[in-house]
């Protein structure tokens, strides 16, 4: 990972990569949990398909107009019109990555990401940990009669495991979706990474290099390295035609992405395929609020079926759109209570006790604050006055950046180990985990390719990649059900 510039060799290394706590072992899951994740992709793909249908039915008047209005809120008219073109109507994101929090009562999905980072990192980790497992097994067998060496090896990793998806599951899954989306076009694949997403460029460069080893012409480039011609897009480096462009930039950042208008024009003319599609309505966190909206229960049951509805209702937390418009006197906010009392004004939550404000507020999408942990406020972690101010700010931002209110679910604690450079030894660490499974869509199926675990110390309210976090691929252990619960 150091050679791939995905991990900085030292804390002061500025040559590339980031830092996190390195565990000698993957994050271990039980076989039941792996089966849960393997089946989850089917349900999430069905959700995206139904959401897309709900949006267009709202646009055409067969569903309430407020649905499309919410999903379009804050977007430029030109992008809305572009996303509604018939050519793109049935296109969906080909990568689905939910952020899943394991709790004491089950799994909770806090959000879905259609343009996720971590694809190359998870792929590189899966290969590295799988190779380490094989090297460890050989070393342990060779040194089984040398007590000192055998003890040192067992202190590092003594569990036999199989990385979820296998050593090359991420590579093979990503390659399958790229080949399918090329739709028989001649040319290569350009993974276009914007300046705003530059931190992810090393991992996508690593991914592209590995895919070229699979005889797939994939190149990670900056937007300026794409040339527009009358017959389509080409790579500036060798004038190779671009058959498929993988969009690694956010739609809110379009005005800062060079040649984005030319890319969109080429896609509109059918001269290049683009994934994920330019459809901001499918990248909104408020979709979870629509899933829980009582007026749409019949729609979801019809489109998803009983099994998928039951699964998603169990993992999608209650979510509301922070809409500042006043309600009629006889109306209340569906499903939201304060001290056992229904409420009709969001600002009533500003008076809640610490126990009563176990909620999260965050931008729904189409904002630089809507990814990572930017813009996220945890109610019970703030003084009451600050929490009230967050609510006021979120309501005031509705015209340009709608926010959502979501139930907070506390993650269960696990105990893992990591290599502590200060003491030059492997030490234990308790923490809460975020599991990020990657599903790649090909042949109408969302297949699980790998899972990245991020484990942060218990005092961190938000779980994300940081220097104090352990990051590791998930694996199935033989002889142990899952990573140790504290």
Protein backbone atom coordinates (compact mmCIF):
# COMPACT_ATOMS: atom_id res chain seq x y z
CA UNK A 1 0.00 0.00 0.00
CA UNK A 2 2.98 2.29 0.54
CA UNK A 3 4.26 1.50 -2.96
CA UNK A 4 0.79 2.23 -4.33
CA UNK A 5 0.86 5.63 -2.52
CA UNK A 6 -2.28 4.69 -0.62
CA UNK A 7 -0.57 4.77 2.77
CA UNK A 8 2.04 7.27 3.94
CA UNK A 9 5.19 5.59 5.22
CA UNK A 10 5.64 8.23 7.92
CA UNK A 11 3.32 10.70 9.59
CA UNK A 12 5.15 13.57 7.89
CA UNK A 13 5.32 11.97 4.43
CA UNK A 14 3.72 14.29 1.88
CA UNK A 15 4.56 12.21 -1.20
CA UNK A 16 1.15 10.59 -1.26
CA UNK A 17 -1.29 8.46 0.67
CA UNK A 18 -2.95 8.90 4.02
CA UNK A 19 -2.48 7.45 7.49
CA UNK A 20 -4.55 5.15 9.64
CA UNK A 21 -3.91 2.49 12.25
CA UNK A 22 -2.88 -0.75 10.57
CA UNK A 23 -4.32 -3.96 11.95
CA UNK A 24 -2.43 -7.23 11.44
CA UNK A 25 -5.77 -8.97 10.95
CA UNK A 26 -8.90 -8.16 8.95
CA UNK A 27 -12.21 -7.28 10.59
CA UNK A 28 -13.82 -10.66 11.18
CA UNK A 29 -17.49 -11.29 10.41
CA UNK A 30 -19.64 -14.30 11.12
CA UNK A 31 -20.90 -16.39 8.22
CA UNK A 32 -24.43 -15.16 8.98
CA UNK A 33 -23.34 -11.54 8.68
CA UNK A 34 -21.63 -12.22 5.36
CA UNK A 35 -24.82 -13.83 4.07
CA UNK A 36 -26.72 -10.72 5.19
CA UNK A 37 -24.37 -8.48 3.22
CA UNK A 38 -24.46 -10.76 0.18
CA UNK A 39 -28.26 -10.51 0.04
CA UNK A 40 -28.42 -6.80 0.88
CA UNK A 41 -27.26 -5.72 -2.58
CA UNK A 42 -30.39 -7.12 -4.22
CA UNK A 43 -32.60 -5.06 -1.90
CA UNK A 44 -30.60 -1.85 -2.41
CA UNK A 45 -30.66 -2.22 -6.19
CA UNK A 46 -34.44 -2.67 -5.99
CA UNK A 47 -34.62 0.48 -3.85
CA UNK A 48 -32.67 2.52 -6.43
CA UNK A 49 -34.87 1.19 -9.23
CA UNK A 50 -38.04 2.09 -7.31
CA UNK A 51 -36.70 5.53 -6.35
CA UNK A 52 -35.96 6.28 -10.01
CA UNK A 53 -39.49 5.23 -10.96
CA UNK A 54 -41.00 7.25 -8.12
CA UNK A 55 -39.18 10.37 -9.30
CA UNK A 56 -40.31 10.10 -12.92
CA UNK A 57 -43.88 9.24 -11.95
CA UNK A 58 -43.86 12.38 -9.83
CA UNK A 59 -42.51 14.41 -12.76
CA UNK A 60 -45.27 13.08 -15.02
CA UNK A 61 -48.06 13.55 -12.49
CA UNK A 62 -48.90 9.96 -11.54
CA UNK A 63 -47.33 10.51 -8.11
CA UNK A 64 -47.52 13.72 -6.01
CA UNK A 65 -45.44 16.57 -7.43
CA UNK A 66 -43.81 17.30 -4.06
CA UNK A 67 -41.67 14.15 -4.41
CA UNK A 68 -39.76 15.41 -7.46
CA UNK A 69 -39.74 18.90 -5.95
CA UNK A 70 -37.87 17.61 -2.90
CA UNK A 71 -35.39 15.61 -4.97
CA UNK A 72 -34.76 18.58 -7.30
CA UNK A 73 -34.52 21.20 -4.55
CA UNK A 74 -31.42 23.38 -4.88
CA UNK A 75 -30.34 21.99 -8.27
CA UNK A 76 -29.81 24.18 -11.36
CA UNK A 77 -32.62 23.93 -13.90
CA UNK A 78 -30.20 22.88 -16.64
CA UNK A 79 -29.02 19.83 -14.68
CA UNK A 80 -32.59 18.87 -13.78
CA UNK A 81 -33.63 19.03 -17.44
CA UNK A 82 -30.56 17.03 -18.50
CA UNK A 83 -31.21 14.30 -15.92
CA UNK A 84 -34.76 13.87 -17.23
CA UNK A 85 -33.76 13.16 -20.84
CA UNK A 86 -35.33 9.98 -22.22
CA UNK A 87 -31.87 8.65 -23.11
CA UNK A 88 -30.95 8.51 -19.40
CA UNK A 89 -34.36 7.61 -17.95
CA UNK A 90 -33.53 4.03 -16.94
CA UNK A 91 -29.89 4.55 -15.96
CA UNK A 92 -28.95 3.82 -12.36
CA UNK A 93 -25.69 4.01 -10.39
CA UNK A 94 -23.56 0.93 -11.07
CA UNK A 95 -21.77 1.13 -7.72
CA UNK A 96 -23.79 0.94 -4.51
CA UNK A 97 -22.04 1.50 -1.21
CA UNK A 98 -24.07 1.81 1.97
CA UNK A 99 -22.51 2.96 5.22
CA UNK A 100 -23.56 0.33 7.75
CA UNK A 101 -23.28 0.66 11.53
CA UNK A 102 -23.39 -2.61 13.53
CA UNK A 103 -25.43 -1.95 16.69
CA UNK A 104 -26.44 -4.16 19.60
CA UNK A 105 -29.81 -4.71 17.93
CA UNK A 106 -28.71 -5.18 14.32
CA UNK A 107 -27.33 -3.36 11.29
CA UNK A 108 -28.27 0.24 10.46
CA UNK A 109 -27.64 1.97 7.11
CA UNK A 110 -26.95 5.66 7.64
CA UNK A 111 -26.71 6.55 3.93
CA UNK A 112 -26.02 5.30 0.40
CA UNK A 113 -23.16 6.55 -1.75
CA UNK A 114 -23.22 6.31 -5.55
CA UNK A 115 -19.80 7.94 -6.06
CA UNK A 116 -17.85 6.34 -3.23
CA UNK A 117 -14.20 6.55 -2.42
CA UNK A 118 -12.39 3.50 -1.15
CA UNK A 119 -12.83 1.26 -4.19
CA UNK A 120 -9.11 1.05 -4.93
CA UNK A 121 -8.17 1.08 -1.25
CA UNK A 122 -10.46 -1.86 -0.47
CA UNK A 123 -9.21 -3.73 -3.53
CA UNK A 124 -5.58 -3.18 -2.56
CA UNK A 125 -6.25 -4.20 1.05
CA UNK A 126 -8.10 -7.35 0.00
CA UNK A 127 -5.12 -8.47 -2.05
CA UNK A 128 -2.55 -7.47 0.61
CA UNK A 129 -4.32 -9.24 3.50
CA UNK A 130 -4.95 -12.34 1.38
CA UNK A 131 -1.29 -12.50 0.40
CA UNK A 132 -0.29 -11.96 4.04
CA UNK A 133 -2.53 -14.87 5.05
CA UNK A 134 -0.75 -17.17 2.61
CA UNK A 135 2.69 -15.90 3.65
CA UNK A 136 1.82 -16.31 7.33
CA UNK A 137 0.64 -19.89 6.82
CA UNK A 138 3.88 -20.82 5.07
CA UNK A 139 6.03 -19.07 7.70
CA UNK A 140 4.12 -20.65 10.58
CA UNK A 141 4.54 -24.10 9.07
CA UNK A 142 8.24 -23.55 8.41
CA UNK A 143 8.96 -22.20 11.91
CA UNK A 144 6.59 -24.38 13.92
CA UNK A 145 9.53 -25.99 15.69
CA UNK A 146 11.19 -22.66 16.56
CA UNK A 147 9.30 -21.44 19.66
CA UNK A 148 10.48 -17.81 19.58
CA UNK A 149 9.56 -17.26 15.93
CA UNK A 150 6.34 -19.24 16.21
CA UNK A 151 5.23 -17.16 19.22
CA UNK A 152 6.00 -13.90 17.39
CA UNK A 153 3.95 -14.97 14.37
CA UNK A 154 0.98 -16.04 16.48
CA UNK A 155 1.02 -12.67 18.24
CA UNK A 156 0.53 -10.99 14.89
CA UNK A 157 -2.19 -13.17 13.38
CA UNK A 158 -3.32 -16.64 14.36
CA UNK A 159 -6.75 -16.79 12.72
CA UNK A 160 -7.28 -18.44 9.38
CA UNK A 161 -9.57 -16.19 7.37
CA UNK A 162 -10.98 -15.60 3.92
CA UNK A 163 -11.36 -11.99 2.79
CA UNK A 164 -14.94 -11.22 1.73
CA UNK A 165 -14.99 -11.25 -2.07
CA UNK A 166 -11.59 -12.92 -2.24
CA UNK A 167 -8.23 -11.29 -3.05
CA UNK A 168 -9.44 -9.89 -6.39
CA UNK A 169 -13.20 -9.59 -5.86
CA UNK A 170 -13.14 -5.80 -6.06
CA UNK A 171 -11.08 -5.82 -9.25
CA UNK A 172 -13.15 -8.47 -10.99
CA UNK A 173 -16.46 -6.92 -9.96
CA UNK A 174 -15.46 -3.44 -11.11
CA UNK A 175 -14.12 -4.87 -14.38
CA UNK A 176 -17.42 -6.68 -15.02
CA UNK A 177 -19.51 -3.54 -14.66
CA UNK A 178 -17.12 -1.51 -16.85
CA UNK A 179 -17.23 -4.09 -19.63
CA UNK A 180 -21.01 -4.19 -19.54
CA UNK A 181 -21.38 -0.40 -19.57
CA UNK A 182 -19.06 -0.06 -22.56
CA UNK A 183 -22.00 -1.47 -24.56
CA UNK A 184 -19.78 -2.81 -27.32
CA UNK A 185 -18.18 0.56 -28.01
CA UNK A 186 -14.61 0.66 -29.29
CA UNK A 187 -12.09 2.36 -27.04
CA UNK A 188 -11.02 2.49 -23.43
CA UNK A 189 -12.32 3.56 -20.05
CA UNK A 190 -11.46 6.91 -18.51
CA UNK A 191 -11.81 7.24 -14.74
CA UNK A 192 -12.10 11.02 -14.48
CA UNK A 193 -11.15 12.29 -11.01
CA UNK A 194 -11.79 15.96 -10.28
CA UNK A 195 -9.57 18.28 -8.29
CA UNK A 196 -12.13 18.26 -5.48
CA UNK A 197 -11.75 14.45 -5.29
CA UNK A 198 -7.95 14.48 -5.74
CA UNK A 199 -7.34 12.58 -2.48
CA UNK A 200 -8.84 9.52 -4.15
CA UNK A 201 -6.72 9.74 -7.29
CA UNK A 202 -3.90 7.42 -6.06
CA UNK A 203 -6.31 4.57 -5.32
CA UNK A 204 -8.04 4.91 -8.68
CA UNK A 205 -4.66 5.04 -10.44
CA UNK A 206 -3.77 1.79 -8.67
CA UNK A 207 -7.14 0.34 -9.71
CA UNK A 208 -6.65 1.37 -13.34
CA UNK A 209 -3.18 -0.19 -13.45
CA UNK A 210 -4.49 -3.50 -12.09
CA UNK A 211 -7.38 -3.49 -14.58
CA UNK A 212 -4.95 -3.01 -17.45
CA UNK A 213 -3.33 -6.21 -16.24
CA UNK A 214 -6.77 -7.77 -16.85
CA UNK A 215 -6.59 -6.65 -20.52
CA UNK A 216 -9.01 -3.80 -19.91
CA UNK A 217 -7.80 -0.41 -21.18
CA UNK A 218 -8.57 1.73 -18.12
CA UNK A 219 -6.84 5.03 -17.37
CA UNK A 220 -7.25 7.37 -14.40
CA UNK A 221 -7.12 10.95 -15.66
CA UNK A 222 -7.88 14.53 -14.71
CA UNK A 223 -10.71 16.30 -16.57
CA UNK A 224 -8.19 18.33 -18.60
CA UNK A 225 -6.80 15.09 -20.01
CA UNK A 226 -10.05 14.41 -21.89
CA UNK A 227 -10.29 15.81 -25.43
CA UNK A 228 -13.56 16.49 -27.22
CA UNK A 229 -13.86 15.70 -30.93
CA UNK A 230 -16.78 15.59 -33.33
CA UNK A 231 -16.95 11.80 -33.07
CA UNK A 232 -16.67 11.60 -29.28
CA UNK A 233 -14.19 11.87 -26.43
CA UNK A 234 -10.54 10.84 -26.55
CA UNK A 235 -7.65 10.56 -24.12
CA UNK A 236 -5.22 13.42 -24.63
CA UNK A 237 -2.23 11.15 -23.95
CA UNK A 238 -2.63 8.89 -27.00
CA UNK A 239 -5.88 10.02 -28.69
CA UNK A 240 -7.47 6.71 -27.73
CA UNK A 241 -11.29 6.83 -28.06
CA UNK A 242 -13.14 6.81 -24.74
CA UNK A 243 -15.95 4.26 -24.79
CA UNK A 244 -16.89 4.69 -21.14
CA UNK A 245 -16.28 7.53 -18.71
CA UNK A 246 -16.42 6.69 -15.01
CA UNK A 247 -17.51 9.87 -13.24
CA UNK A 248 -15.46 10.34 -10.08
CA UNK A 249 -16.69 13.83 -9.35
CA UNK A 250 -19.71 15.18 -7.53
CA UNK A 251 -22.52 16.90 -9.40
CA UNK A 252 -22.48 19.92 -7.08
CA UNK A 253 -18.93 20.54 -8.33
CA UNK A 254 -19.75 20.53 -12.07
CA UNK A 255 -18.94 24.21 -12.57
CA UNK A 256 -15.41 23.54 -11.29
CA UNK A 257 -14.81 20.46 -13.45
CA UNK A 258 -13.10 21.42 -16.72
CA UNK A 259 -14.85 20.14 -19.85
CA UNK A 260 -17.85 18.85 -17.88
CA UNK A 261 -20.22 20.48 -20.39
CA UNK A 262 -18.44 18.75 -23.28
CA UNK A 263 -18.61 15.42 -21.45
CA UNK A 264 -22.34 15.89 -20.89
CA UNK A 265 -22.86 16.87 -24.53
CA UNK A 266 -21.02 13.77 -25.76
CA UNK A 267 -23.14 11.58 -23.47
CA UNK A 268 -26.32 13.30 -24.65
CA UNK A 269 -25.37 12.56 -28.26
CA UNK A 270 -24.67 8.91 -27.42
CA UNK A 271 -20.97 9.21 -28.26
CA UNK A 272 -19.80 8.03 -24.85
CA UNK A 273 -21.34 6.10 -21.98
CA UNK A 274 -21.08 7.64 -18.51
CA UNK A 275 -21.48 6.00 -15.13
CA UNK A 276 -22.75 6.94 -12.63
CA UNK A 277 -25.30 8.92 -14.64
CA UNK A 278 -25.84 12.66 -14.27
CA UNK A 279 -28.94 12.15 -12.10
CA UNK A 280 -28.67 14.13 -8.85
CA UNK A 281 -32.11 12.95 -7.73
CA UNK A 282 -30.59 9.51 -7.09
CA UNK A 283 -27.84 10.92 -4.86
CA UNK A 284 -29.98 12.48 -2.13
CA UNK A 285 -30.00 11.24 1.47
CA UNK A 286 -33.60 12.42 1.76
CA UNK A 287 -34.57 9.30 -0.22
CA UNK A 288 -34.61 7.55 3.17
CA UNK A 289 -37.26 10.03 4.35
CA UNK A 290 -39.36 9.20 1.29
CA UNK A 291 -39.07 5.51 2.15
CA UNK A 292 -40.53 6.16 5.61
CA UNK A 293 -43.18 8.66 4.45
CA UNK A 294 -46.63 7.23 5.32
CA UNK A 295 -48.18 8.61 2.11
CA UNK A 296 -45.80 6.45 0.05
CA UNK A 297 -46.15 3.16 1.94
CA UNK A 298 -48.38 1.62 -0.73
CA UNK A 299 -45.94 2.59 -3.50
CA UNK A 300 -42.95 1.00 -1.77
CA UNK A 301 -44.85 -2.17 -0.92
CA UNK A 302 -45.98 -2.55 -4.52
CA UNK A 303 -42.59 -1.78 -6.10
CA UNK A 304 -40.32 -3.57 -3.64
CA UNK A 305 -42.44 -6.47 -2.44
CA UNK A 306 -42.93 -7.63 1.12
CA UNK A 307 -39.50 -9.21 1.61
CA UNK A 308 -37.46 -6.18 0.47
CA UNK A 309 -39.73 -3.75 2.34
CA UNK A 310 -39.25 -5.74 5.53
CA UNK A 311 -35.47 -5.89 5.14
CA UNK A 312 -35.12 -2.17 4.36
CA UNK A 313 -37.51 -1.12 7.13
CA UNK A 314 -35.23 -2.97 9.53
CA UNK A 315 -32.01 -1.25 8.41
CA UNK A 316 -33.02 2.25 7.25
CA UNK A 317 -33.36 4.57 10.27
CA UNK A 318 -36.30 6.94 10.55
CA UNK A 319 -35.48 10.04 8.55
CA UNK A 320 -37.25 13.35 7.98
CA UNK A 321 -36.76 16.25 5.55
CA UNK A 322 -36.23 19.52 7.42
CA UNK A 323 -38.79 21.56 5.50
CA UNK A 324 -39.37 25.01 7.10
CA UNK A 325 -42.85 25.52 5.65
CA UNK A 326 -45.53 25.68 8.39
CA UNK A 327 -48.01 22.84 8.80
CA UNK A 328 -51.79 23.28 9.02
CA UNK A 329 -53.05 23.55 12.64
CA UNK A 330 -54.38 19.97 12.69
CA UNK A 331 -51.20 18.39 11.24
CA UNK A 332 -48.13 16.91 12.92
CA UNK A 333 -44.76 15.70 11.64
CA UNK A 334 -45.28 11.96 10.94
CA UNK A 335 -43.54 9.66 13.40
CA UNK A 336 -41.65 12.40 15.26
CA UNK A 337 -42.26 12.84 18.97
CA UNK A 338 -40.73 14.77 21.83
CA UNK A 339 -41.30 13.37 25.30
CA UNK A 340 -44.10 11.17 23.99
CA UNK A 341 -45.86 14.15 22.38
CA UNK A 342 -46.33 14.63 18.64
CA UNK A 343 -44.83 17.85 17.33
CA UNK A 344 -45.66 20.15 14.42
CA UNK A 345 -42.68 22.51 14.52
CA UNK A 346 -39.08 21.40 14.00
CA UNK A 347 -37.86 24.08 16.39
CA UNK A 348 -39.53 22.25 19.27
CA UNK A 349 -36.60 19.81 19.02
CA UNK A 350 -34.31 22.65 20.04
CA UNK A 351 -35.76 22.45 23.55
CA UNK A 352 -35.17 18.72 23.93
CA UNK A 353 -33.03 17.34 26.74
CA UNK A 354 -29.78 15.59 25.87
CA UNK A 355 -31.57 12.24 26.00
CA UNK A 356 -34.34 13.59 23.77
CA UNK A 357 -32.06 14.83 21.01
CA UNK A 358 -30.46 11.59 19.89
CA UNK A 359 -30.66 12.67 16.27
CA UNK A 360 -28.29 13.60 13.49
CA UNK A 361 -28.71 16.54 11.11
CA UNK A 362 -26.82 16.57 7.82
CA UNK A 363 -27.12 17.97 4.29
CA UNK A 364 -29.13 15.74 1.99
CA UNK A 365 -26.83 16.13 -1.02
CA UNK A 366 -25.59 18.43 -3.79
CA UNK A 367 -23.24 20.23 -1.43
CA UNK A 368 -19.54 20.05 -0.52
CA UNK A 369 -20.79 19.46 3.04
CA UNK A 370 -22.76 16.35 2.06
CA UNK A 371 -19.94 13.82 1.91
CA UNK A 372 -17.54 12.44 4.49
CA UNK A 373 -18.46 13.79 7.91
CA UNK A 374 -18.69 17.38 6.76
CA UNK A 375 -21.84 19.17 7.83
CA UNK A 376 -22.91 16.41 10.25
CA UNK A 377 -24.21 17.48 13.67
CA UNK A 378 -24.98 14.97 16.43
CA UNK A 379 -27.71 16.30 18.72
CA UNK A 380 -26.76 14.75 22.05
CA UNK A 381 -23.12 15.71 21.49
CA UNK A 382 -23.95 19.44 21.37
CA UNK A 383 -25.06 21.92 24.03
CA UNK A 384 -28.76 22.67 23.75
CA UNK A 385 -28.18 26.19 22.41
CA UNK A 386 -25.87 24.92 19.65
CA UNK A 387 -28.33 22.17 18.72
CA UNK A 388 -31.12 24.75 18.41
CA UNK A 389 -28.85 26.86 16.20
CA UNK A 390 -28.11 23.84 13.97
CA UNK A 391 -31.84 23.30 13.49
CA UNK A 392 -32.36 26.96 12.59
CA UNK A 393 -29.48 26.89 10.12
CA UNK A 394 -30.71 23.68 8.48
CA UNK A 395 -34.19 25.12 8.03
CA UNK A 396 -32.80 28.36 6.61
CA UNK A 397 -30.69 26.37 4.12
CA UNK A 398 -33.68 24.50 2.68
CA UNK A 399 -34.02 26.53 -0.56
CA UNK A 400 -30.47 25.68 -1.68
CA UNK A 401 -29.35 22.75 0.50
CA UNK A 402 -32.09 20.67 2.11
CA UNK A 403 -31.05 18.89 5.31
CA UNK A 404 -32.35 15.73 6.89
CA UNK A 405 -33.01 14.74 10.49
CA UNK A 406 -32.17 11.11 11.22
CA UNK A 407 -32.36 8.91 14.28
CA UNK A 408 -28.97 8.30 15.88
CA UNK A 409 -28.07 4.65 16.46
CA UNK A 410 -25.11 3.93 18.70
CA UNK A 411 -22.68 1.40 17.29
CA UNK A 412 -21.66 -1.59 19.35
CA UNK A 413 -18.08 -1.83 20.52
CA UNK A 414 -15.46 -4.18 19.15
CA UNK A 415 -11.90 -4.89 20.18
CA UNK A 416 -9.24 -5.07 17.50
CA UNK A 417 -5.47 -4.76 17.44
CA UNK A 418 -3.16 -2.45 15.55
CA UNK A 419 0.55 -1.85 15.21
CA UNK A 420 1.55 0.99 17.53
CA UNK A 421 4.64 2.65 16.09
CA UNK A 422 5.47 4.40 19.38
CA UNK A 423 5.95 1.12 21.26
CA UNK A 424 6.73 -0.94 18.13
CA UNK A 425 4.26 -3.63 19.07
CA UNK A 426 0.73 -4.81 18.35
CA UNK A 427 -1.70 -3.39 20.92
CA UNK A 428 -5.48 -3.74 21.45
CA UNK A 429 -8.01 -0.98 20.77
CA UNK A 430 -11.72 -0.80 21.53
CA UNK A 431 -13.84 1.05 19.02
CA UNK A 432 -17.05 1.37 17.04
CA UNK A 433 -17.23 0.26 13.44
CA UNK A 434 -18.60 1.41 10.12
CA UNK A 435 -18.83 -1.33 7.52
CA UNK A 436 -18.84 -0.23 3.88
CA UNK A 437 -19.79 -3.04 1.48
CA UNK A 438 -19.20 -2.43 -2.23
CA UNK A 439 -21.75 -3.74 -4.71
CA UNK A 440 -21.06 -3.65 -8.44
CA UNK A 441 -24.04 -3.95 -10.78
CA UNK A 442 -23.71 -6.18 -13.84
CA UNK A 443 -26.24 -8.34 -15.67
CA UNK A 444 -29.00 -6.84 -13.55
CA UNK A 445 -27.50 -8.02 -10.26
CA UNK A 446 -25.72 -6.16 -7.46
CA UNK A 447 -22.88 -8.45 -6.43
CA UNK A 448 -20.91 -7.99 -3.21
CA UNK A 449 -17.21 -7.53 -4.06
CA UNK A 450 -15.69 -6.55 -0.71
CA UNK A 451 -16.28 -4.77 2.58
CA UNK A 452 -14.13 -2.06 4.16
CA UNK A 453 -14.24 -1.71 7.95
CA UNK A 454 -13.42 1.58 9.65
CA UNK A 455 -13.11 1.37 13.44
CA UNK A 456 -12.80 4.58 15.47
CA UNK A 457 -12.09 4.99 19.20
CA UNK A 458 -15.26 5.10 21.36
CA UNK A 459 -14.89 8.82 22.10
CA UNK A 460 -15.38 9.66 18.40
CA UNK A 461 -19.07 10.35 17.75
CA UNK A 462 -18.68 10.15 13.97
CA UNK A 463 -17.01 7.17 12.33
CA UNK A 464 -14.91 7.97 9.28
CA UNK A 465 -11.40 7.54 7.95
CA UNK A 466 -8.92 9.29 10.25
CA UNK A 467 -5.41 8.77 11.58
CA UNK A 468 -6.79 7.33 14.84
CA UNK A 469 -9.00 4.79 13.04
CA UNK A 470 -8.24 1.19 12.19
CA UNK A 471 -9.07 0.44 8.56
CA UNK A 472 -9.10 -3.12 7.28
CA UNK A 473 -10.98 -5.38 4.89
CA UNK A 474 -13.66 -7.67 6.27
CA UNK A 475 -13.17 -11.41 6.26
CA UNK A 476 -14.83 -14.62 7.38
CA UNK A 477 -12.95 -16.38 10.14
CA UNK A 478 -12.69 -20.11 10.59
CA UNK A 479 -12.93 -20.98 14.25
CA UNK A 480 -14.14 -17.54 15.42
CA UNK A 481 -17.56 -16.06 14.78
CA UNK A 482 -16.62 -12.38 14.45
CA UNK A 483 -14.32 -9.65 15.73
CA UNK A 484 -14.38 -9.50 19.52
CA UNK A 485 -17.30 -7.65 21.02
CA UNK A 486 -16.48 -5.53 24.07
